[in-house]
Amino acid sequence: MGSSGWLLRDGAVMCATEVADSFAARARGLLGRDGIDGALLLPRTRAVHTLGMRFAVDVAFLDRSMTVLETQTLVPWRVTVPRVRARAVLEAEAGAFERWGLQAGDRLELRAHP
């Protein structure tokens, strides 16, 4: 994958986050995995799919300021419609966003691991 860091909301750490910072890493995403601890950030992404995935994922579409525009849960073998205002997508195992209380309007921040 690429770099990693902490995902924060209002200064509080929500989870560890991997960043898919290359075209190949974004194309691979979570394919081939049985799950993920934390989340995966896909910069420069407006739509995602779960074709060939082994588990359902929570998906958050983020604007250029990392504000959550919309969230949804995708089961395997689904495709999202591209979101025009989205500049990144955050993925986590289904149920994670509910546990974290993540919702539309939340402003996120990615901070590098020390």
C-alpha atoms as a PDB file:
ATOM      1  CA  MET A   1       0.000   0.000   0.000  1.00  0.00           C
ATOM      2  CA  GLY A   2       1.294   3.498   0.510  1.00  0.00           C
ATOM      3  CA  SER A   3       1.667   5.683   3.543  1.00  0.00           C
ATOM      4  CA  SER A   4      -0.297   5.370   6.748  1.00  0.00           C
ATOM      5  CA  GLY A   5      -1.473   7.577   9.561  1.00  0.00           C
ATOM      6  CA  TRP A   6      -4.213   8.315  12.050  1.00  0.00           C
ATOM      7  CA  LEU A   7      -7.663   9.452  10.975  1.00  0.00           C
ATOM      8  CA  LEU A   8      -8.963  12.188  13.271  1.00  0.00           C
ATOM      9  CA  ARG A   9     -12.304  13.912  13.772  1.00  0.00           C
ATOM     10  CA  ASP A  10     -12.410  16.985  16.002  1.00  0.00           C
ATOM     11  CA  GLY A  11      -8.839  16.259  17.097  1.00  0.00           C
ATOM     12  CA  ALA A  12      -9.673  12.756  18.356  1.00  0.00           C
ATOM     13  CA  VAL A  13      -8.202   9.631  16.751  1.00  0.00           C
ATOM     14  CA  MET A  14     -10.845   7.444  15.106  1.00  0.00           C
ATOM     15  CA  CYS A  15      -8.604   4.756  13.600  1.00  0.00           C
ATOM     16  CA  ALA A  16      -5.351   3.838  11.888  1.00  0.00           C
ATOM     17  CA  THR A  17      -5.577   4.539   8.165  1.00  0.00           C
ATOM     18  CA  GLU A  18      -3.697   3.260   5.139  1.00  0.00           C
ATOM     19  CA  VAL A  19      -3.429   5.582   2.139  1.00  0.00           C
ATOM     20  CA  ALA A  20      -3.590   4.156  -1.377  1.00  0.00           C
ATOM     21  CA  ASP A  21      -1.362   6.828  -2.860  1.00  0.00           C
ATOM     22  CA  SER A  22      -0.636   5.312  -6.277  1.00  0.00           C
ATOM     23  CA  PHE A  23      -2.854   4.315  -9.176  1.00  0.00           C
ATOM     24  CA  ALA A  24      -2.022   0.631  -8.615  1.00  0.00           C
ATOM     25  CA  ALA A  25      -2.801   0.845  -4.883  1.00  0.00           C
ATOM     26  CA  ARG A  26      -6.139   2.573  -5.582  1.00  0.00           C
ATOM     27  CA  ALA A  27      -7.017  -0.030  -8.231  1.00  0.00           C
ATOM     28  CA  ARG A  28      -6.197  -2.887  -5.822  1.00  0.00           C
ATOM     29  CA  GLY A  29      -7.952  -1.279  -2.842  1.00  0.00           C
ATOM     30  CA  LEU A  30      -9.102  -3.972  -0.423  1.00  0.00           C
ATOM     31  CA  LEU A  31      -9.224  -6.770  -3.006  1.00  0.00           C
ATOM     32  CA  GLY A  32      -7.740 -10.037  -1.786  1.00  0.00           C
ATOM     33  CA  ARG A  33      -8.142  -9.181   1.882  1.00  0.00           C
ATOM     34  CA  ASP A  34     -10.365 -10.866   4.431  1.00  0.00           C
ATOM     35  CA  GLY A  35     -10.879  -7.602   6.343  1.00  0.00           C
ATOM     36  CA  ILE A  36      -9.161  -4.434   7.504  1.00  0.00           C
ATOM     37  CA  ASP A  37      -8.323  -3.019  10.907  1.00  0.00           C
ATOM     38  CA  GLY A  38      -8.965   0.698  10.602  1.00  0.00           C
ATOM     39  CA  ALA A  39      -9.614   2.265   7.209  1.00  0.00           C
ATOM     40  CA  LEU A  40      -8.275   2.766   3.699  1.00  0.00           C
ATOM     41  CA  LEU A  41      -8.176   6.243   2.154  1.00  0.00           C
ATOM     42  CA  LEU A  42      -8.390   6.417  -1.641  1.00  0.00           C
ATOM     43  CA  PRO A  43      -7.333   9.913  -2.782  1.00  0.00           C
ATOM     44  CA  ARG A  44      -8.421  11.179  -6.209  1.00  0.00           C
ATOM     45  CA  THR A  45     -11.381   8.767  -6.197  1.00  0.00           C
ATOM     46  CA  ARG A  46     -15.057   9.489  -6.877  1.00  0.00           C
ATOM     47  CA  ALA A  47     -16.526   5.975  -7.088  1.00  0.00           C
ATOM     48  CA  VAL A  48     -15.640   2.495  -5.844  1.00  0.00           C
ATOM     49  CA  HIS A  49     -16.722  -1.099  -6.360  1.00  0.00           C
ATOM     50  CA  THR A  50     -16.764  -4.299  -4.349  1.00  0.00           C
ATOM     51  CA  LEU A  51     -16.423  -6.670  -7.306  1.00  0.00           C
ATOM     52  CA  GLY A  52     -14.523  -9.708  -6.068  1.00  0.00           C
ATOM     53  CA  MET A  53     -14.457  -8.484  -2.456  1.00  0.00           C
ATOM     54  CA  ARG A  54     -14.767 -10.960   0.418  1.00  0.00           C
ATOM     55  CA  PHE A  55     -16.583  -8.636   2.837  1.00  0.00           C
ATOM     56  CA  ALA A  56     -18.975  -5.683   2.939  1.00  0.00           C
ATOM     57  CA  VAL A  57     -17.530  -2.190   3.398  1.00  0.00           C
ATOM     58  CA  ASP A  58     -18.631   1.180   4.705  1.00  0.00           C
ATOM     59  CA  VAL A  59     -17.819   3.909   2.172  1.00  0.00           C
ATOM     60  CA  ALA A  60     -17.545   7.655   2.829  1.00  0.00           C
ATOM     61  CA  PHE A  61     -17.227  10.144  -0.017  1.00  0.00           C
ATOM     62  CA  LEU A  62     -15.030  13.108   0.988  1.00  0.00           C
ATOM     63  CA  ASP A  63     -14.697  16.564  -0.560  1.00  0.00           C
ATOM     64  CA  ARG A  64     -11.375  18.407  -0.989  1.00  0.00           C
ATOM     65  CA  SER A  65     -11.436  19.588   2.652  1.00  0.00           C
ATOM     66  CA  MET A  66     -11.968  15.972   3.855  1.00  0.00           C
ATOM     67  CA  THR A  67     -15.569  16.674   4.859  1.00  0.00           C
ATOM     68  CA  VAL A  68     -17.848  13.635   4.607  1.00  0.00           C
ATOM     69  CA  LEU A  69     -20.402  14.209   1.848  1.00  0.00           C
ATOM     70  CA  GLU A  70     -22.219  10.887   2.143  1.00  0.00           C
ATOM     71  CA  THR A  71     -21.799   7.414   3.599  1.00  0.00           C
ATOM     72  CA  GLN A  72     -23.146   4.054   2.518  1.00  0.00           C
ATOM     73  CA  THR A  73     -22.540   0.354   3.025  1.00  0.00           C
ATOM     74  CA  LEU A  74     -21.692  -1.829   0.039  1.00  0.00           C
ATOM     75  CA  VAL A  75     -22.000  -5.593   0.007  1.00  0.00           C
ATOM     76  CA  PRO A  76     -19.727  -7.564  -2.362  1.00  0.00           C
ATOM     77  CA  TRP A  77     -20.361  -7.239  -6.095  1.00  0.00           C
ATOM     78  CA  ARG A  78     -21.728  -3.686  -6.068  1.00  0.00           C
ATOM     79  CA  VAL A  79     -20.614  -0.444  -7.762  1.00  0.00           C
ATOM     80  CA  THR A  80     -21.231   3.124  -6.590  1.00  0.00           C
ATOM     81  CA  VAL A  81     -22.277   6.010  -8.784  1.00  0.00           C
ATOM     82  CA  PRO A  82     -19.481   8.604  -9.102  1.00  0.00           C
ATOM     83  CA  ARG A  83     -19.926  11.593  -6.782  1.00  0.00           C
ATOM     84  CA  VAL A  84     -19.039  14.796  -8.653  1.00  0.00           C
ATOM     85  CA  ARG A  85     -17.915  16.699  -5.525  1.00  0.00           C
ATOM     86  CA  ALA A  86     -15.924  13.783  -4.079  1.00  0.00           C
ATOM     87  CA  ARG A  87     -12.142  14.007  -4.111  1.00  0.00           C
ATOM     88  CA  ALA A  88     -11.440  10.937  -1.972  1.00  0.00           C
ATOM     89  CA  VAL A  89     -13.158   7.843  -0.625  1.00  0.00           C
ATOM     90  CA  LEU A  90     -12.700   6.275   2.804  1.00  0.00           C
ATOM     91  CA  GLU A  91     -13.383   2.545   3.168  1.00  0.00           C
ATOM     92  CA  ALA A  92     -13.697   0.427   6.315  1.00  0.00           C
ATOM     93  CA  GLU A  93     -15.317  -2.868   7.254  1.00  0.00           C
ATOM     94  CA  ALA A  94     -19.101  -2.653   7.351  1.00  0.00           C
ATOM     95  CA  GLY A  95     -20.267  -1.458  10.765  1.00  0.00           C
ATOM     96  CA  ALA A  96     -17.136   0.596  11.492  1.00  0.00           C
ATOM     97  CA  PHE A  97     -18.731   3.957  10.658  1.00  0.00           C
ATOM     98  CA  GLU A  98     -21.599   3.257  13.040  1.00  0.00           C
ATOM     99  CA  ARG A  99     -19.133   2.339  15.822  1.00  0.00           C
ATOM    100  CA  TRP A 100     -17.134   5.520  15.144  1.00  0.00           C
ATOM    101  CA  GLY A 101     -20.247   7.684  14.805  1.00  0.00           C
ATOM    102  CA  LEU A 102     -19.068   8.855  11.363  1.00  0.00           C
ATOM    103  CA  GLN A 103     -21.699  10.759   9.391  1.00  0.00           C
ATOM    104  CA  ALA A 104     -22.190  13.317   6.638  1.00  0.00           C
ATOM    105  CA  GLY A 105     -20.807  16.726   7.592  1.00  0.00           C
ATOM    106  CA  ASP A 106     -17.935  15.363   9.729  1.00  0.00           C
ATOM    107  CA  ARG A 107     -14.598  16.984   8.892  1.00  0.00           C
ATOM    108  CA  LEU A 108     -11.697  14.547   8.983  1.00  0.00           C
ATOM    109  CA  GLU A 109      -7.952  14.957   9.194  1.00  0.00           C
ATOM    110  CA  LEU A 110      -5.155  12.543   8.365  1.00  0.00           C
ATOM    111  CA  ARG A 111      -2.099  12.784  10.604  1.00  0.00           C
ATOM    112  CA  ALA A 112       1.092  10.825   9.983  1.00  0.00           C
ATOM    113  CA  HIS A 113       2.200   8.279  12.563  1.00  0.00           C
ATOM    114  CA  PRO A 114       4.912   9.780  14.805  1.00  0.00           C
END
